[in-house]
Amino acid sequence: MFSALLAGALIAGASLLLGAAIMTAAGRPRHSAAGPAVGLSALLVVCGIAVKLPGHGVTAAIATGLALVAALRVLARSRAPLGTVRVGAIVAVVGVALVVAIPFATNGRVGILGQGLINDDMASHLLFTEWVDSRDGPTPDLVKDGYPLGPHALVAATAKVSGAGPIEAFA
């Protein structure tokens, strides 16, 4: 369960940092409510492009690290005030983390949510993630048709950094 929490924290932290830097570079308030979504979108683009290079998941993890270093440089050079962290924001983050952990704590393990006879979507997503990271085997048909692989690339990169498996990284 620790690796799943670490994977989630890494994605959330990277999204916050990258989003704040992009908002700052764009001349917008650093602590905008849109910042985390902007950062997550940037992560999906960076990983989606980098995973196509040799090294696949490892390359996506390195590209993400470089993007985060660039984000730190942008934030360090900014003259915008750092601002304060509101207690309500901390309570919201901790509360959401606890609520998200309920299904996993109840089952005593991290696994695929909503699995059943009819819902086998996660099997395809795990296949795409494995393919994105290794390029072993034929290209899946949906990928040939243009299926977006940014989330799968982000999961592959996060799994490399956190030590989580694809299931834990998706969770």
N, C-alpha and C. Protein backbone atom coordinates (compact mmCIF):
# COMPACT_ATOMS: atom_id res chain seq x y z
N MET A 1 0.82 -1.19 0.00
CA MET A 1 0.00 0.00 0.00
C MET A 1 0.87 1.25 0.00
N PHE A 2 2.05 1.17 0.61
CA PHE A 2 2.92 2.33 0.67
C PHE A 2 3.31 2.80 -0.73
N SER A 3 3.60 1.87 -1.64
CA SER A 3 4.02 2.27 -2.98
C SER A 3 2.89 2.97 -3.73
N ALA A 4 1.65 2.57 -3.49
CA ALA A 4 0.52 3.25 -4.12
C ALA A 4 0.38 4.67 -3.58
N LEU A 5 0.53 4.83 -2.27
CA LEU A 5 0.46 6.17 -1.69
C LEU A 5 1.61 7.05 -2.18
N LEU A 6 2.79 6.45 -2.29
CA LEU A 6 3.94 7.20 -2.80
C LEU A 6 3.71 7.62 -4.24
N ALA A 7 3.19 6.73 -5.06
CA ALA A 7 2.90 7.06 -6.46
C ALA A 7 1.90 8.21 -6.55
N GLY A 8 0.85 8.14 -5.75
CA GLY A 8 -0.14 9.22 -5.75
C GLY A 8 0.44 10.54 -5.27
N ALA A 9 1.27 10.48 -4.24
CA ALA A 9 1.90 11.70 -3.72
C ALA A 9 2.86 12.29 -4.74
N LEU A 10 3.59 11.44 -5.45
CA LEU A 10 4.51 11.94 -6.47
C LEU A 10 3.76 12.65 -7.60
N ILE A 11 2.68 12.05 -8.06
CA ILE A 11 1.90 12.67 -9.14
C ILE A 11 1.28 13.98 -8.66
N ALA A 12 0.72 13.98 -7.45
CA ALA A 12 0.09 15.19 -6.93
C ALA A 12 1.12 16.29 -6.71
N GLY A 13 2.26 15.95 -6.11
CA GLY A 13 3.30 16.95 -5.88
C GLY A 13 3.87 17.51 -7.16
N ALA A 14 4.12 16.63 -8.13
CA ALA A 14 4.65 17.09 -9.42
C ALA A 14 3.63 17.98 -10.13
N SER A 15 2.36 17.63 -10.04
CA SER A 15 1.32 18.45 -10.66
C SER A 15 1.25 19.83 -10.03
N LEU A 16 1.33 19.89 -8.71
CA LEU A 16 1.30 21.18 -8.01
C LEU A 16 2.50 22.05 -8.40
N LEU A 17 3.69 21.46 -8.37
CA LEU A 17 4.90 22.22 -8.68
C LEU A 17 4.92 22.69 -10.12
N LEU A 18 4.67 21.79 -11.04
CA LEU A 18 4.69 22.15 -12.45
C LEU A 18 3.58 23.14 -12.78
N GLY A 19 2.41 22.94 -12.19
CA GLY A 19 1.31 23.87 -12.42
C GLY A 19 1.62 25.27 -11.92
N ALA A 20 2.22 25.37 -10.73
CA ALA A 20 2.58 26.69 -10.19
C ALA A 20 3.59 27.38 -11.09
N ALA A 21 4.56 26.63 -11.61
CA ALA A 21 5.57 27.23 -12.49
C ALA A 21 4.95 27.69 -13.81
N ILE A 22 4.07 26.90 -14.36
CA ILE A 22 3.43 27.29 -15.62
C ILE A 22 2.56 28.52 -15.41
N MET A 23 1.82 28.55 -14.32
CA MET A 23 0.98 29.72 -14.03
C MET A 23 1.85 30.96 -13.85
N THR A 24 2.99 30.82 -13.16
CA THR A 24 3.91 31.94 -12.95
C THR A 24 4.47 32.41 -14.29
N ALA A 25 4.92 31.47 -15.12
CA ALA A 25 5.49 31.83 -16.42
C ALA A 25 4.47 32.50 -17.32
N ALA A 26 3.20 32.14 -17.13
CA ALA A 26 2.13 32.72 -17.95
C ALA A 26 1.64 34.06 -17.38
N GLY A 27 2.22 34.49 -16.26
CA GLY A 27 1.81 35.75 -15.66
C GLY A 27 0.52 35.65 -14.87
N ARG A 28 0.14 34.45 -14.52
CA ARG A 28 -1.08 34.22 -13.74
C ARG A 28 -0.71 34.02 -12.28
N PRO A 29 -1.67 34.10 -11.38
CA PRO A 29 -1.35 33.87 -9.96
C PRO A 29 -0.82 32.45 -9.75
N ARG A 30 0.26 32.35 -9.03
CA ARG A 30 0.92 31.06 -8.78
C ARG A 30 0.00 30.08 -8.07
N HIS A 31 -0.81 30.58 -7.18
CA HIS A 31 -1.67 29.71 -6.38
C HIS A 31 -3.09 29.64 -6.93
N SER A 32 -3.21 29.64 -8.23
CA SER A 32 -4.51 29.55 -8.87
C SER A 32 -5.10 28.16 -8.67
N ALA A 33 -6.40 28.09 -8.59
CA ALA A 33 -7.08 26.80 -8.47
C ALA A 33 -6.86 25.94 -9.72
N ALA A 34 -6.55 26.57 -10.84
CA ALA A 34 -6.30 25.83 -12.07
C ALA A 34 -4.91 25.24 -12.13
N GLY A 35 -4.01 25.68 -11.26
CA GLY A 35 -2.61 25.25 -11.29
C GLY A 35 -2.40 23.75 -11.28
N PRO A 36 -3.00 23.01 -10.34
CA PRO A 36 -2.77 21.57 -10.32
C PRO A 36 -3.25 20.86 -11.60
N ALA A 37 -4.37 21.29 -12.14
CA ALA A 37 -4.86 20.69 -13.38
C ALA A 37 -3.93 21.02 -14.55
N VAL A 38 -3.41 22.23 -14.56
CA VAL A 38 -2.45 22.63 -15.60
C VAL A 38 -1.19 21.78 -15.46
N GLY A 39 -0.72 21.58 -14.24
CA GLY A 39 0.46 20.77 -14.01
C GLY A 39 0.27 19.32 -14.41
N LEU A 40 -0.89 18.75 -14.08
CA LEU A 40 -1.18 17.37 -14.48
C LEU A 40 -1.24 17.26 -16.00
N SER A 41 -1.84 18.23 -16.64
CA SER A 41 -1.90 18.23 -18.11
C SER A 41 -0.50 18.28 -18.71
N ALA A 42 0.36 19.10 -18.13
CA ALA A 42 1.74 19.18 -18.62
C ALA A 42 2.47 17.86 -18.40
N LEU A 43 2.24 17.22 -17.26
CA LEU A 43 2.86 15.92 -17.01
C LEU A 43 2.43 14.88 -18.05
N LEU A 44 1.15 14.90 -18.38
CA LEU A 44 0.65 13.95 -19.39
C LEU A 44 1.31 14.17 -20.74
N VAL A 45 1.51 15.44 -21.10
CA VAL A 45 2.15 15.75 -22.38
C VAL A 45 3.63 15.36 -22.35
N VAL A 46 4.34 15.75 -21.28
CA VAL A 46 5.76 15.43 -21.18
C VAL A 46 5.97 13.91 -21.22
N CYS A 47 5.23 13.18 -20.40
CA CYS A 47 5.39 11.73 -20.36
C CYS A 47 4.94 11.08 -21.66
N GLY A 48 3.86 11.59 -22.25
CA GLY A 48 3.36 11.03 -23.50
C GLY A 48 4.34 11.16 -24.64
N ILE A 49 5.12 12.22 -24.64
CA ILE A 49 6.14 12.41 -25.69
C ILE A 49 7.40 11.62 -25.34
N ALA A 50 7.86 11.73 -24.09
CA ALA A 50 9.13 11.11 -23.69
C ALA A 50 9.09 9.59 -23.74
N VAL A 51 7.92 9.01 -23.50
CA VAL A 51 7.83 7.55 -23.47
C VAL A 51 8.04 6.94 -24.85
N LYS A 52 7.95 7.76 -25.89
CA LYS A 52 8.18 7.28 -27.26
C LYS A 52 9.66 7.21 -27.60
N LEU A 53 10.50 7.78 -26.76
CA LEU A 53 11.95 7.78 -26.98
C LEU A 53 12.55 6.48 -26.44
N PRO A 54 13.77 6.16 -26.84
CA PRO A 54 14.41 4.96 -26.27
C PRO A 54 14.46 5.04 -24.75
N GLY A 55 14.23 3.94 -24.10
CA GLY A 55 14.20 3.90 -22.65
C GLY A 55 12.79 3.96 -22.11
N HIS A 56 11.86 4.41 -22.90
CA HIS A 56 10.42 4.44 -22.62
C HIS A 56 10.07 4.98 -21.23
N GLY A 57 9.68 4.13 -20.29
CA GLY A 57 9.26 4.59 -18.96
C GLY A 57 10.36 5.31 -18.21
N VAL A 58 11.58 4.82 -18.32
CA VAL A 58 12.70 5.48 -17.65
C VAL A 58 12.93 6.87 -18.25
N THR A 59 12.85 6.96 -19.57
CA THR A 59 13.02 8.25 -20.24
C THR A 59 11.93 9.21 -19.82
N ALA A 60 10.69 8.72 -19.69
CA ALA A 60 9.59 9.58 -19.25
C ALA A 60 9.83 10.06 -17.82
N ALA A 61 10.37 9.21 -16.96
CA ALA A 61 10.67 9.62 -15.59
C ALA A 61 11.77 10.68 -15.57
N ILE A 62 12.79 10.50 -16.41
CA ILE A 62 13.88 11.49 -16.48
C ILE A 62 13.36 12.81 -17.04
N ALA A 63 12.53 12.75 -18.08
CA ALA A 63 11.96 13.97 -18.66
C ALA A 63 11.10 14.70 -17.64
N THR A 64 10.36 13.96 -16.84
CA THR A 64 9.55 14.57 -15.78
C THR A 64 10.45 15.25 -14.76
N GLY A 65 11.53 14.58 -14.38
CA GLY A 65 12.49 15.18 -13.45
C GLY A 65 13.07 16.47 -14.00
N LEU A 66 13.43 16.47 -15.28
CA LEU A 66 13.97 17.69 -15.90
C LEU A 66 12.92 18.80 -15.93
N ALA A 67 11.66 18.43 -16.21
CA ALA A 67 10.58 19.42 -16.21
C ALA A 67 10.40 20.01 -14.81
N LEU A 68 10.54 19.19 -13.78
CA LEU A 68 10.39 19.67 -12.41
C LEU A 68 11.56 20.56 -12.00
N VAL A 69 12.77 20.24 -12.46
CA VAL A 69 13.92 21.12 -12.20
C VAL A 69 13.70 22.47 -12.88
N ALA A 70 13.22 22.45 -14.12
CA ALA A 70 12.92 23.70 -14.81
C ALA A 70 11.84 24.48 -14.07
N ALA A 71 10.83 23.77 -13.53
CA ALA A 71 9.77 24.43 -12.77
C ALA A 71 10.34 25.10 -11.52
N LEU A 72 11.24 24.41 -10.84
CA LEU A 72 11.87 25.01 -9.65
C LEU A 72 12.65 26.26 -10.02
N ARG A 73 13.32 26.23 -11.16
CA ARG A 73 14.07 27.42 -11.60
C ARG A 73 13.14 28.58 -11.90
N VAL A 74 12.02 28.30 -12.56
CA VAL A 74 11.05 29.35 -12.86
C VAL A 74 10.51 29.95 -11.56
N LEU A 75 10.18 29.10 -10.62
CA LEU A 75 9.64 29.59 -9.35
C LEU A 75 10.69 30.34 -8.54
N ALA A 76 11.94 29.89 -8.59
CA ALA A 76 13.01 30.57 -7.85
C ALA A 76 13.29 31.95 -8.42
N ARG A 77 13.18 32.10 -9.72
CA ARG A 77 13.46 33.40 -10.36
C ARG A 77 12.28 34.36 -10.27
N SER A 78 11.13 33.85 -9.94
CA SER A 78 9.94 34.68 -9.86
C SER A 78 10.01 35.60 -8.65
N ARG A 79 9.52 36.77 -8.82
CA ARG A 79 9.48 37.72 -7.70
C ARG A 79 8.13 37.69 -7.01
N ALA A 80 7.26 36.79 -7.47
CA ALA A 80 5.94 36.69 -6.86
C ALA A 80 6.08 36.16 -5.43
N PRO A 81 5.26 36.66 -4.53
CA PRO A 81 5.34 36.17 -3.15
C PRO A 81 4.97 34.69 -3.08
N LEU A 82 5.58 34.00 -2.14
CA LEU A 82 5.30 32.57 -1.99
C LEU A 82 3.87 32.32 -1.54
N GLY A 83 3.34 33.22 -0.78
CA GLY A 83 1.98 33.02 -0.28
C GLY A 83 2.00 32.14 0.95
N THR A 84 0.84 31.91 1.48
CA THR A 84 0.73 31.06 2.67
C THR A 84 -0.15 29.87 2.34
N VAL A 85 0.10 28.80 3.02
CA VAL A 85 -0.74 27.62 2.86
C VAL A 85 -1.88 27.74 3.85
N ARG A 86 -3.05 27.65 3.36
CA ARG A 86 -4.23 27.79 4.22
C ARG A 86 -4.51 26.47 4.92
N VAL A 87 -4.95 26.56 6.16
CA VAL A 87 -5.28 25.37 6.94
C VAL A 87 -6.38 24.57 6.24
N GLY A 88 -7.33 25.27 5.65
CA GLY A 88 -8.41 24.59 4.95
C GLY A 88 -7.90 23.73 3.80
N ALA A 89 -6.85 24.19 3.11
CA ALA A 89 -6.28 23.41 2.01
C ALA A 89 -5.63 22.14 2.54
N ILE A 90 -4.93 22.24 3.64
CA ILE A 90 -4.30 21.06 4.24
C ILE A 90 -5.36 20.06 4.70
N VAL A 91 -6.40 20.56 5.34
CA VAL A 91 -7.49 19.69 5.78
C VAL A 91 -8.15 19.00 4.58
N ALA A 92 -8.34 19.74 3.49
CA ALA A 92 -8.95 19.16 2.30
C ALA A 92 -8.07 18.07 1.69
N VAL A 93 -6.77 18.31 1.60
CA VAL A 93 -5.85 17.32 1.03
C VAL A 93 -5.82 16.06 1.89
N VAL A 94 -5.68 16.21 3.19
CA VAL A 94 -5.65 15.06 4.08
C VAL A 94 -6.99 14.32 4.04
N GLY A 95 -8.09 15.07 4.04
CA GLY A 95 -9.41 14.45 3.98
C GLY A 95 -9.62 13.65 2.71
N VAL A 96 -9.22 14.21 1.58
CA VAL A 96 -9.36 13.49 0.30
C VAL A 96 -8.49 12.24 0.31
N ALA A 97 -7.27 12.35 0.81
CA ALA A 97 -6.38 11.18 0.86
C ALA A 97 -6.99 10.07 1.72
N LEU A 98 -7.59 10.44 2.83
CA LEU A 98 -8.22 9.43 3.69
C LEU A 98 -9.44 8.79 3.01
N VAL A 99 -10.25 9.59 2.36
CA VAL A 99 -11.43 9.06 1.68
C VAL A 99 -11.02 8.14 0.53
N VAL A 100 -10.01 8.54 -0.22
CA VAL A 100 -9.53 7.73 -1.34
C VAL A 100 -8.97 6.40 -0.84
N ALA A 101 -8.39 6.38 0.35
CA ALA A 101 -7.79 5.17 0.89
C ALA A 101 -8.80 4.19 1.46
N ILE A 102 -10.06 4.60 1.63
CA ILE A 102 -11.07 3.73 2.26
C ILE A 102 -11.20 2.38 1.56
N PRO A 103 -11.39 2.33 0.23
CA PRO A 103 -11.56 1.00 -0.39
C PRO A 103 -10.33 0.10 -0.21
N PHE A 104 -9.17 0.68 -0.23
CA PHE A 104 -7.95 -0.10 -0.10
C PHE A 104 -7.76 -0.57 1.35
N ALA A 105 -8.03 0.31 2.30
CA ALA A 105 -7.91 -0.06 3.71
C ALA A 105 -8.96 -1.11 4.07
N THR A 106 -10.14 -1.00 3.52
CA THR A 106 -11.21 -1.97 3.79
C THR A 106 -10.82 -3.36 3.30
N ASN A 107 -10.20 -3.43 2.12
CA ASN A 107 -9.79 -4.71 1.55
C ASN A 107 -8.44 -5.18 2.07
N GLY A 108 -7.70 -4.29 2.71
CA GLY A 108 -6.40 -4.66 3.22
C GLY A 108 -5.34 -4.82 2.14
N ARG A 109 -5.60 -4.31 0.96
CA ARG A 109 -4.65 -4.41 -0.14
C ARG A 109 -4.99 -3.36 -1.18
N VAL A 110 -4.05 -3.11 -2.07
CA VAL A 110 -4.28 -2.22 -3.20
C VAL A 110 -4.53 -3.10 -4.40
N GLY A 111 -5.61 -2.83 -5.09
CA GLY A 111 -5.94 -3.62 -6.27
C GLY A 111 -6.82 -2.82 -7.21
N ILE A 112 -7.34 -3.51 -8.19
CA ILE A 112 -8.18 -2.89 -9.20
C ILE A 112 -9.56 -2.66 -8.63
N LEU A 113 -10.05 -1.42 -8.72
CA LEU A 113 -11.39 -1.09 -8.24
C LEU A 113 -12.41 -1.36 -9.33
N GLY A 114 -13.59 -1.79 -8.95
CA GLY A 114 -14.68 -1.97 -9.91
C GLY A 114 -14.52 -3.17 -10.82
N GLN A 115 -13.67 -4.09 -10.45
CA GLN A 115 -13.43 -5.25 -11.30
C GLN A 115 -14.62 -6.17 -11.24
N GLY A 116 -15.01 -6.69 -12.39
CA GLY A 116 -16.11 -7.62 -12.46
C GLY A 116 -16.15 -8.30 -13.80
N LEU A 117 -17.20 -9.03 -14.03
CA LEU A 117 -17.32 -9.75 -15.30
C LEU A 117 -17.54 -8.82 -16.48
N ILE A 118 -18.16 -7.69 -16.23
CA ILE A 118 -18.48 -6.78 -17.33
C ILE A 118 -17.43 -5.69 -17.50
N ASN A 119 -16.82 -5.26 -16.42
CA ASN A 119 -15.88 -4.16 -16.46
C ASN A 119 -14.45 -4.69 -16.49
N ASP A 120 -13.91 -4.84 -17.69
CA ASP A 120 -12.53 -5.31 -17.82
C ASP A 120 -11.63 -4.24 -18.44
N ASP A 121 -12.03 -2.99 -18.32
CA ASP A 121 -11.25 -1.89 -18.90
C ASP A 121 -9.82 -1.84 -18.36
N MET A 122 -9.66 -2.12 -17.07
CA MET A 122 -8.33 -2.00 -16.49
C MET A 122 -7.35 -2.97 -17.14
N ALA A 123 -7.81 -4.12 -17.58
CA ALA A 123 -6.92 -5.06 -18.26
C ALA A 123 -6.31 -4.41 -19.50
N SER A 124 -7.12 -3.67 -20.24
CA SER A 124 -6.60 -2.97 -21.43
C SER A 124 -5.62 -1.88 -21.03
N HIS A 125 -5.94 -1.14 -19.98
CA HIS A 125 -5.05 -0.06 -19.55
C HIS A 125 -3.71 -0.61 -19.05
N LEU A 126 -3.75 -1.72 -18.35
CA LEU A 126 -2.50 -2.35 -17.90
C LEU A 126 -1.69 -2.86 -19.08
N LEU A 127 -2.36 -3.42 -20.07
CA LEU A 127 -1.68 -3.87 -21.29
C LEU A 127 -1.03 -2.69 -22.00
N PHE A 128 -1.77 -1.58 -22.14
CA PHE A 128 -1.22 -0.39 -22.80
C PHE A 128 -0.01 0.15 -22.03
N THR A 129 -0.10 0.15 -20.70
CA THR A 129 1.01 0.66 -19.88
C THR A 129 2.25 -0.22 -20.06
N GLU A 130 2.06 -1.51 -20.05
CA GLU A 130 3.18 -2.43 -20.26
C GLU A 130 3.78 -2.24 -21.65
N TRP A 131 2.91 -2.09 -22.65
CA TRP A 131 3.38 -1.92 -24.02
C TRP A 131 4.13 -0.59 -24.16
N VAL A 132 3.60 0.48 -23.57
CA VAL A 132 4.23 1.79 -23.64
C VAL A 132 5.64 1.73 -23.04
N ASP A 133 5.79 0.98 -21.95
CA ASP A 133 7.06 0.92 -21.26
C ASP A 133 8.07 -0.01 -21.93
N SER A 134 7.59 -1.06 -22.58
CA SER A 134 8.54 -2.04 -23.12
C SER A 134 8.55 -2.13 -24.64
N ARG A 135 7.45 -1.78 -25.27
CA ARG A 135 7.26 -1.93 -26.72
C ARG A 135 7.40 -3.39 -27.16
N ASP A 136 7.18 -4.32 -26.23
CA ASP A 136 7.21 -5.74 -26.56
C ASP A 136 5.89 -6.13 -27.22
N GLY A 137 5.98 -6.93 -28.24
CA GLY A 137 4.79 -7.43 -28.91
C GLY A 137 4.24 -6.44 -29.91
N PRO A 138 3.16 -6.84 -30.54
CA PRO A 138 2.56 -5.96 -31.56
C PRO A 138 1.90 -4.75 -30.92
N THR A 139 1.78 -3.70 -31.70
CA THR A 139 1.10 -2.49 -31.24
C THR A 139 -0.39 -2.79 -31.07
N PRO A 140 -0.95 -2.52 -29.89
CA PRO A 140 -2.39 -2.76 -29.70
C PRO A 140 -3.22 -1.97 -30.71
N ASP A 141 -4.33 -2.55 -31.12
CA ASP A 141 -5.18 -1.94 -32.15
C ASP A 141 -5.65 -0.54 -31.78
N LEU A 142 -6.07 -0.36 -30.53
CA LEU A 142 -6.54 0.97 -30.12
C LEU A 142 -5.42 2.00 -30.21
N VAL A 143 -4.19 1.59 -29.93
CA VAL A 143 -3.06 2.50 -30.03
C VAL A 143 -2.84 2.88 -31.49
N LYS A 144 -2.97 1.91 -32.38
CA LYS A 144 -2.84 2.18 -33.82
C LYS A 144 -3.90 3.19 -34.26
N ASP A 145 -5.07 3.13 -33.62
CA ASP A 145 -6.17 4.03 -33.98
C ASP A 145 -6.06 5.39 -33.32
N GLY A 146 -4.98 5.62 -32.54
CA GLY A 146 -4.77 6.94 -31.96
C GLY A 146 -5.19 7.09 -30.52
N TYR A 147 -5.39 5.99 -29.80
CA TYR A 147 -5.79 6.07 -28.40
C TYR A 147 -4.75 6.88 -27.62
N PRO A 148 -5.16 7.84 -26.80
CA PRO A 148 -4.19 8.67 -26.07
C PRO A 148 -3.48 7.87 -24.98
N LEU A 149 -2.16 7.95 -24.96
CA LEU A 149 -1.37 7.16 -24.02
C LEU A 149 -0.65 8.00 -22.96
N GLY A 150 -1.00 9.28 -22.85
CA GLY A 150 -0.38 10.12 -21.83
C GLY A 150 -0.55 9.58 -20.42
N PRO A 151 -1.76 9.19 -20.01
CA PRO A 151 -1.91 8.64 -18.65
C PRO A 151 -1.11 7.36 -18.44
N HIS A 152 -1.04 6.54 -19.45
CA HIS A 152 -0.29 5.29 -19.34
C HIS A 152 1.20 5.58 -19.22
N ALA A 153 1.67 6.58 -19.95
CA ALA A 153 3.07 6.98 -19.86
C ALA A 153 3.38 7.54 -18.48
N LEU A 154 2.47 8.34 -17.93
CA LEU A 154 2.65 8.89 -16.59
C LEU A 154 2.70 7.78 -15.55
N VAL A 155 1.84 6.78 -15.70
CA VAL A 155 1.85 5.63 -14.78
C VAL A 155 3.15 4.87 -14.90
N ALA A 156 3.64 4.65 -16.13
CA ALA A 156 4.90 3.93 -16.32
C ALA A 156 6.06 4.70 -15.68
N ALA A 157 6.10 6.02 -15.86
CA ALA A 157 7.17 6.82 -15.26
C ALA A 157 7.07 6.82 -13.74
N THR A 158 5.87 6.96 -13.21
CA THR A 158 5.67 6.97 -11.76
C THR A 158 6.05 5.62 -11.15
N ALA A 159 5.73 4.55 -11.84
CA ALA A 159 6.08 3.22 -11.34
C ALA A 159 7.60 3.06 -11.27
N LYS A 160 8.31 3.61 -12.25
CA LYS A 160 9.77 3.52 -12.23
C LYS A 160 10.35 4.26 -11.03
N VAL A 161 9.81 5.42 -10.72
CA VAL A 161 10.35 6.24 -9.64
C VAL A 161 9.94 5.72 -8.26
N SER A 162 8.69 5.29 -8.13
CA SER A 162 8.17 4.91 -6.81
C SER A 162 8.39 3.45 -6.47
N GLY A 163 8.70 2.64 -7.46
CA GLY A 163 8.82 1.21 -7.20
C GLY A 163 7.48 0.50 -7.18
N ALA A 164 6.42 1.23 -7.47
CA ALA A 164 5.09 0.64 -7.49
C ALA A 164 4.90 -0.14 -8.79
N GLY A 165 4.02 -1.10 -8.75
CA GLY A 165 3.64 -1.78 -9.97
C GLY A 165 2.60 -0.95 -10.71
N PRO A 166 2.25 -1.32 -11.92
CA PRO A 166 1.25 -0.55 -12.67
C PRO A 166 -0.10 -0.46 -11.96
N ILE A 167 -0.51 -1.52 -11.30
CA ILE A 167 -1.80 -1.49 -10.60
C ILE A 167 -1.77 -0.47 -9.46
N GLU A 168 -0.70 -0.48 -8.69
CA GLU A 168 -0.58 0.48 -7.58
C GLU A 168 -0.45 1.90 -8.10
N ALA A 169 0.29 2.09 -9.19
CA ALA A 169 0.47 3.43 -9.75
C ALA A 169 -0.86 3.96 -10.29
N PHE A 170 -1.65 3.10 -10.93
CA PHE A 170 -2.98 3.53 -11.40
C PHE A 170 -3.88 3.86 -10.22
N ALA A 171 -3.80 3.08 -9.16
CA ALA A 171 -4.66 3.30 -7.99
C ALA A 171 -4.37 4.65 -7.39
